[in-house]
Amino acid sequence: MKITFYAHASFRLEADGVVVITDPYKPPLSRFDPIDEPADLVLMSSATDEFHSDPSHIRGEPVVINTLELPPEGVEVLGIPVRSFPAYESLTFDFQAAAGRDPDANALYHFTLGGLRVLHMGDIGNPVDPRQLEALRGQVDILLALTGAHATIALDDLDAAIEAIGPRVVIPMHYYNPRGILPIEPVETFLARVPPGRVTRVGGPSLELTPETLPADAPHVYVLEQSR
């Protein structure tokens, strides 16, 4: 599977001839460049957060799914099993009320592509529910992890989630970028908590992984460069 980091919480994942794009941001609002690439499937953690739910700049005619609306057992789309875990955004971040958004409107979502199990953390702003952690334990190869702290999951709680879930790979997302507008932590704040030997700066926006090439020193953190 080839994983490309666009910006914020948006990635392109491609395997087996299928392209999945996660949580597309709104370009004018976010100040990130449009994605302007085709996809077969777009997965969103909600349909109300403009930093996570604007597929208008994705080319083609992808299937678009608001994972918050999935049934508990999940669905299969284009041969890809997708399951979601309802979550809270930050209950104490005033921007939620100012934007008129329901702080419940968010989901983590899990899908399998190219033989790899991926968990996208959506926009959760509180500790992951213990029942969800138990359901996800040993079921995640690649964790797309919120590492900006402010308004999303605290880094102490993220550390606990990583330990409980046990992913082989952690890819940081949703952290400060000078092109963006959100006052969140830079990725270095999260990386300072990780043993240096378990961090690889890829030096570009893309990474290729297969079930056979997953790192032995799990969890290993791969830092991708923003491409938008």
Protein backbone atom coordinates (compact mmCIF):
# COMPACT_ATOMS: atom_id res chain seq x y z
CA MET A 1 0.00 0.00 0.00
CA LYS A 2 1.19 3.49 -0.84
CA ILE A 3 0.30 6.14 1.73
CA THR A 4 0.55 9.84 0.85
CA PHE A 5 -0.01 12.66 3.34
CA TYR A 6 -1.92 15.59 1.89
CA ALA A 7 -2.45 17.85 4.93
CA HIS A 8 -4.14 17.97 8.33
CA ALA A 9 -6.00 14.63 8.61
CA SER A 10 -6.15 13.85 4.90
CA PHE A 11 -4.26 10.95 3.34
CA ARG A 12 -4.32 9.05 0.08
CA LEU A 13 -4.03 5.29 0.46
CA GLU A 14 -3.70 3.13 -2.65
CA ALA A 15 -3.58 -0.64 -3.00
CA ASP A 16 -5.12 -3.34 -5.18
CA GLY A 17 -6.16 -0.73 -7.74
CA VAL A 18 -8.30 1.19 -5.23
CA VAL A 19 -7.65 4.73 -3.98
CA VAL A 20 -9.03 5.84 -0.61
CA ILE A 21 -8.83 9.45 0.60
CA THR A 22 -9.47 10.29 4.24
CA ASP A 23 -10.95 13.40 5.88
CA PRO A 24 -10.57 15.97 3.07
CA TYR A 25 -10.23 19.54 4.36
CA LYS A 26 -11.81 22.69 2.88
CA PRO A 27 -9.00 24.44 0.95
CA PRO A 28 -9.96 28.13 1.37
CA LEU A 29 -10.72 27.76 5.06
CA SER A 30 -7.73 25.58 5.93
CA ARG A 31 -5.32 27.42 3.59
CA PHE A 32 -4.05 24.09 2.29
CA ASP A 33 -3.96 23.47 -1.46
CA PRO A 34 -6.75 21.45 -3.10
CA ILE A 35 -6.19 17.71 -3.41
CA ASP A 36 -7.16 17.72 -7.11
CA GLU A 37 -6.62 13.98 -7.56
CA PRO A 38 -9.11 11.18 -8.23
CA ALA A 39 -10.28 8.64 -5.69
CA ASP A 40 -12.57 5.64 -5.59
CA LEU A 41 -13.64 6.06 -1.97
CA VAL A 42 -13.66 9.05 0.40
CA LEU A 43 -14.01 8.35 4.12
CA MET A 44 -14.91 11.19 6.49
CA SER A 45 -15.05 11.25 10.29
CA SER A 46 -18.09 13.52 10.12
CA ALA A 47 -20.05 15.55 7.59
CA THR A 48 -20.10 18.81 9.54
CA ASP A 49 -16.47 19.74 10.20
CA GLU A 50 -15.03 21.69 7.29
CA PHE A 51 -11.50 20.66 8.23
CA HIS A 52 -12.48 17.01 7.78
CA SER A 53 -15.39 16.77 5.35
CA ASP A 54 -15.05 18.62 2.04
CA PRO A 55 -14.70 16.19 -0.90
CA SER A 56 -15.49 18.89 -3.50
CA HIS A 57 -11.85 19.17 -4.65
CA ILE A 58 -11.41 15.43 -5.24
CA ARG A 59 -11.67 14.46 -8.90
CA GLY A 60 -13.81 11.72 -10.36
CA GLU A 61 -16.97 10.30 -8.84
CA PRO A 62 -15.85 8.64 -5.61
CA VAL A 63 -18.15 6.94 -3.16
CA VAL A 64 -18.32 9.32 -0.18
CA ILE A 65 -19.06 7.93 3.27
CA ASN A 66 -19.69 9.76 6.52
CA THR A 67 -18.38 7.06 8.84
CA LEU A 68 -20.31 8.50 11.77
CA GLU A 69 -23.47 7.16 10.11
CA LEU A 70 -22.29 3.57 9.68
CA PRO A 71 -24.10 0.76 11.51
CA PRO A 72 -22.19 -0.82 14.42
CA GLU A 73 -21.28 -3.86 12.35
CA GLY A 74 -19.79 -1.68 9.60
CA VAL A 75 -20.16 -2.02 5.85
CA GLU A 76 -18.18 -3.26 2.87
CA VAL A 77 -17.58 -0.75 0.08
CA LEU A 78 -15.68 -1.58 -3.11
CA GLY A 79 -14.49 -4.72 -1.37
CA ILE A 80 -13.15 -2.71 1.60
CA PRO A 81 -14.55 -3.44 5.08
CA VAL A 82 -15.15 -0.20 6.99
CA ARG A 83 -16.19 0.11 10.62
CA SER A 84 -16.52 3.23 12.75
CA PHE A 85 -16.36 4.07 16.45
CA PRO A 86 -18.40 7.13 17.53
CA ALA A 87 -16.40 9.60 19.58
CA TYR A 88 -16.48 13.06 21.10
CA GLU A 89 -14.63 16.05 19.82
CA SER A 90 -13.26 18.27 22.57
CA LEU A 91 -16.01 19.19 25.01
CA THR A 92 -14.00 22.11 26.38
CA PHE A 93 -12.80 23.75 23.16
CA ASP A 94 -14.89 26.89 22.71
CA PHE A 95 -14.62 26.80 18.91
CA GLN A 96 -17.12 23.93 18.86
CA ALA A 97 -19.89 26.14 20.21
CA ALA A 98 -18.81 29.15 18.16
CA ALA A 99 -19.02 27.06 14.99
CA GLY A 100 -22.42 25.70 15.95
CA ARG A 101 -21.16 22.11 15.84
CA ASP A 102 -22.27 19.14 17.87
CA PRO A 103 -19.22 17.90 19.81
CA ASP A 104 -20.50 14.33 19.35
CA ALA A 105 -20.23 14.57 15.56
CA ASN A 106 -17.05 12.58 15.02
CA ALA A 107 -15.86 9.01 14.55
CA LEU A 108 -12.70 6.99 14.47
CA TYR A 109 -12.82 4.58 11.53
CA HIS A 110 -11.13 1.28 10.71
CA PHE A 111 -10.68 -0.22 7.26
CA THR A 112 -8.56 -2.86 5.54
CA LEU A 113 -6.75 -2.20 2.27
CA GLY A 114 -3.91 -4.13 0.66
CA GLY A 115 -3.93 -6.60 3.53
CA LEU A 116 -3.22 -3.81 6.04
CA ARG A 117 -5.60 -2.73 8.80
CA VAL A 118 -5.81 1.04 9.19
CA LEU A 119 -7.33 3.12 11.98
CA HIS A 120 -7.93 6.83 11.36
CA MET A 121 -8.52 8.74 14.60
CA GLY A 122 -10.90 11.25 13.07
CA ASP A 123 -11.05 14.33 15.29
CA ILE A 124 -11.48 12.80 18.75
CA GLY A 125 -10.83 15.27 21.56
CA ASN A 126 -11.11 13.00 24.58
CA PRO A 127 -9.70 9.66 25.72
CA VAL A 128 -10.72 6.72 23.54
CA ASP A 129 -13.52 4.75 25.19
CA PRO A 130 -12.09 1.66 26.97
CA ARG A 131 -14.61 -0.58 25.19
CA GLN A 132 -13.40 0.73 21.85
CA LEU A 133 -9.78 0.21 22.86
CA GLU A 134 -10.58 -3.39 23.71
CA ALA A 135 -12.33 -3.92 20.36
CA LEU A 136 -9.32 -2.47 18.53
CA ARG A 137 -6.62 -4.28 20.50
CA GLY A 138 -4.40 -6.20 18.08
CA GLN A 139 -6.58 -5.17 15.12
CA VAL A 140 -4.54 -2.22 13.80
CA ASP A 141 -1.43 -2.31 11.63
CA ILE A 142 -1.32 1.41 10.82
CA LEU A 143 -2.59 4.14 13.13
CA LEU A 144 -3.16 7.59 11.63
CA ALA A 145 -2.74 9.45 14.90
CA LEU A 146 -3.87 12.89 16.06
CA THR A 147 -0.74 14.53 17.47
CA GLY A 148 -1.64 18.23 17.71
CA ALA A 149 -3.09 17.92 21.24
CA HIS A 150 -5.10 21.17 21.55
CA ALA A 151 -8.76 20.51 20.65
CA THR A 152 -7.98 16.84 19.99
CA ILE A 153 -6.89 13.95 22.19
CA ALA A 154 -4.30 14.85 24.84
CA LEU A 155 -0.90 13.30 24.20
CA ASP A 156 -1.00 11.35 27.48
CA ASP A 157 -4.28 9.81 26.34
CA LEU A 158 -2.86 9.18 22.87
CA ASP A 159 0.09 7.33 24.41
CA ALA A 160 -2.34 5.18 26.39
CA ALA A 161 -4.39 4.44 23.27
CA ILE A 162 -1.28 3.43 21.31
CA GLU A 163 -0.21 1.09 24.11
CA ALA A 164 -3.68 -0.45 24.35
CA ILE A 165 -4.28 -0.88 20.62
CA GLY A 166 -0.78 -2.03 19.71
CA PRO A 167 -0.35 -0.75 16.13
CA ARG A 168 2.75 -1.71 14.17
CA VAL A 169 3.02 1.73 12.56
CA VAL A 170 2.02 5.20 13.78
CA ILE A 171 1.79 8.06 11.27
CA PRO A 172 1.29 11.51 12.85
CA MET A 173 -1.37 13.87 11.49
CA HIS A 174 -3.38 16.91 12.55
CA TYR A 175 -0.43 18.92 13.91
CA TYR A 176 0.71 22.50 13.46
CA ASN A 177 1.81 23.63 10.02
CA PRO A 178 2.73 27.27 9.28
CA ARG A 179 0.49 27.17 6.21
CA GLY A 180 -2.55 26.33 8.31
CA ILE A 181 -4.63 28.41 10.69
CA LEU A 182 -5.12 26.15 13.72
CA PRO A 183 -3.16 26.86 16.94
CA ILE A 184 -2.17 23.25 17.62
CA GLU A 185 1.08 21.56 18.63
CA PRO A 186 3.86 20.84 16.12
CA VAL A 187 4.71 17.20 15.45
CA GLU A 188 7.93 17.59 17.44
CA THR A 189 5.92 17.75 20.67
CA PHE A 190 4.69 14.21 20.05
CA LEU A 191 8.03 12.96 18.73
CA ALA A 192 9.78 14.09 21.92
CA ARG A 193 7.79 11.39 23.72
CA VAL A 194 9.00 8.59 21.41
CA PRO A 195 12.40 6.83 21.61
CA PRO A 196 14.49 8.28 18.73
CA GLY A 197 15.24 4.81 17.38
CA ARG A 198 11.55 4.27 16.74
CA VAL A 199 11.12 7.37 14.59
CA THR A 200 11.76 7.57 10.84
CA ARG A 201 11.46 10.87 9.00
CA VAL A 202 10.57 9.68 5.53
CA GLY A 203 11.81 12.86 3.83
CA GLY A 204 8.78 13.08 1.54
CA PRO A 205 5.00 12.79 1.55
CA SER A 206 4.72 9.08 0.68
CA LEU A 207 5.49 5.71 2.22
CA GLU A 208 4.99 2.20 0.86
CA LEU A 209 4.18 -0.68 3.20
CA THR A 210 3.11 -4.29 2.84
CA PRO A 211 2.17 -6.84 5.51
CA GLU A 212 5.65 -8.30 5.04
CA THR A 213 7.51 -4.99 5.52
CA LEU A 214 5.83 -3.85 8.73
CA PRO A 215 8.53 -2.91 11.25
CA ALA A 216 9.59 -5.33 13.97
CA ASP A 217 10.19 -2.55 16.52
CA ALA A 218 6.52 -1.74 16.88
CA PRO A 219 5.14 0.77 17.30
CA HIS A 220 7.37 2.60 14.81
CA VAL A 221 6.58 6.22 13.94
CA TYR A 222 6.91 7.35 10.32
CA VAL A 223 6.76 11.12 9.78
CA LEU A 224 5.54 12.11 6.32
CA GLU A 225 5.96 15.57 4.84
CA GLN A 226 2.82 17.50 4.00
CA SER A 227 2.20 17.64 0.23
CA ARG A 228 -0.56 20.27 0.12
